[in-house]
Amino acid sequence: MNEADLDNLCAFNYHINEGTSNARYERFRYLFPHKITLDSRWRTKKRVATLSGLKPGRVDRCPSGCCCFTGTYASLSACPYCEKPRYKSSGGPVKQFQYLPVRSQLQAMLKDKSVAKQLKYRQTCSRTTGGDDETIRDIFDSSIYHNLLEKQVVVNGQTQDHKYFSDPRDVALGISLDGVTYFSRRQHSVWPVILINYNLPPKVRTRRDRILCYGVIPGTVQNLDSYLIPLRDELNDLAKGAKTLDPWAEEWFWQHVYLILGFGDYPGISKLTRMKGHNGLHPCRFCEIVGIRPEGGKVYYVPLYRPEGSVDPANLPMRHHDRFIQQGTEVLEASTKAAAERLAKDSGIKGIPLLASLASLNFPFSFPLDFMHLIFENLIPNLVMHYTGTFKDLDCGVEDYELPKDVWSEICKAGSASGDTIPSSFGSRMPNIETERSSMTAEAWGFWSMYLAPILLRDRFSRRRYYDHFLKLVRPSVKQFLPKGGKVDRSAKSSRN
C-alpha cells in the first residue's frame, strides 16, 4: 500500500468515525491539495469495501418496507400487505434490504490482533464455585449459558457431533432490537438489528467499533421475520461450524457461533417472540398472569392484589419453552382466522417465533428484561410523574408524596445547573427535567437517579419515609450519602414521619 492509499484510508476513517457529511468529506479533499491528493468518496468507499472483505447480502423487499420477499414470500411479485410491485419495468427489484453477514464481521475482528486477543475473554471467564457465591457477573455465570454446556448442538432437528461451546473459540452472541427515530421530530423510525459479541470483555463489547450491525429494518415493517430469515439461516450454518483462518495462530479451525440471548424494548421483544405485547390479555412473556382492564379502558394491567383474589408473586403461572412452542403451534394450525385470533388472545402468543428454530434459544427465558428499559426508561420516569402528580391522572390517595410545583422547579433547575461543575467525563449535560423532559435519555435518567436525586430530593418531601423509599431503590449507588454503617440517620425528630 502506497502513501496515497494510506492518505485515502485515513481521511475516510476520520469521515466515518466523526460522522461528517458526504459534502464535508468532498470539501475536505480540496483543503490541502498541495499536500495530499484524495480520491472521491465513492472510489474510496469501494476500495475500503474490497480491503475489508465485508460483502453485504441483499434480498428484495417491499418498496414500502412491509416485508422482504423471503420464505413464503420468495415467489411473490407484489407485496402481500400493500400490493406494491416487487419489480421495475426493467425487471430489477424496486427496493432491496441490505445486511452484513455475521461470519464476515467475525472474520474481520480476527484480523485485528488487539481484537483477536480480546476475543479470548470467554475462555478465561469462569464461574466462581464453592461457598454461597451465586453472583451473576456476566452472561457466562447464568443458567442459560451453563445449561447449554451440557447439550449437543441441534440444527434443524439434526443432532451434531459437538456440544455447545465445547471449543474455546466458539462465539456467543446476543441480538438487540429496538425502534429508534433518526430525526429529532420523530417522524420516521427504523429497527436496527444489533448483535453483541459476548466473547469480548463487558467494557468493550458494546462500543460502536465492536458491535455487529446486521442491518436496519424500516419502521413501516409488517413482517419482521421476513427480514431476519437470512440471519436465521446463517446462524444455523454457523452452529454446524465454518472453517475459519486464525491469522495469528496461522491455523484453520471450525468456528461455531451460537445466539443465546435477545433483548430490547417491549415492542421489539414482542416482535422477536411473536407475542401480543404489553397491551395484551396476557402481557407478560415469563408467566401466564391474566390482565385486568378497567371499565372503559383499553389497556390491561396486572396488579397482584385483586378483589377476586390476590396473586402470589412467589407462585406465578410460569411459562416454559415446550408450552410456549405448543401454544404458538396451535395458533398456526387453527382452522379459521377467528379461531387463531382467539387462541392468540388466550395465550398472548401469535405464532411460532422465527428464531425458535435456533436450538440455542429458550423461549421466553433467553429474552430477559433489560435494566435500561425496565428502570431508566420506565420505572424512574414513572416515579417522577408520581412525584409531580402527572401519572395517569392519579392522585396521592391517602399518601402525601407529591412535591409542590415550586419545589420541583427548583430541583430541576439545580439538576440542570449541575452541569457547570460536573466534568463531561461523567456524561452529557443534564437537561432541565421540567422543561426538557423529551431530551431525557436512559443515560440522563440513570445519572439523575443515582447521583443527583439523592441530594436534590433530600428534605423535599413532607415525610422522610418517601425519601427513604427512594434511597432503597438506588441504595447501592448512594452509600456515599449515608452515615457510617450505611443506615439512614433517623435521630432527627422530623425524620420519624
Foldseek 3Di string as FASTA:
>chain_A
DDPQLVVQVVLVVCCVVVVDDLVVSVVVQPPCVVPHHYDHPVVSVVVVCVVLVWDKDKFFAAPVQAFTCDDVNVPDQADPPPRHGQADPVGHGPDIFIWTAPVSVVQSLLVDPVSVVQLLQVVVDDDDDDDPDLDDPDPNSDPLNVVQQVDFFAAQNDGAPDGPCPDSNEWEKEWEWEKDAPDPVRPFIKIWIKIFTRSGDPVPRPDPSNIGTTGIGGPNYNQPVNVCVVVLVSLSVLQNFDWGANVVVRDIDTYHYAYAAYEYAFVGVCNQAQFLAQQAQQHDQFARQGFDAPVVGRGTDRAQDDPVDGHDPVDGRTDWQVVSQVLQVCLVPDPDPVRSVVSRRNRRHNHGGPNVSRVSYIGPVRYDYDPLCVPLVPVLVQVVCQQQCNRVNDHPVVDFNHFDPVLLQVLLVVQQVVQVPDDCVLDDRAHRCVPPVVPDHSSNSVCCLQPPCLVSCPPRGQALVVSVVSCVVNVVRCQVVDPPPSDHDCPDPRHVD
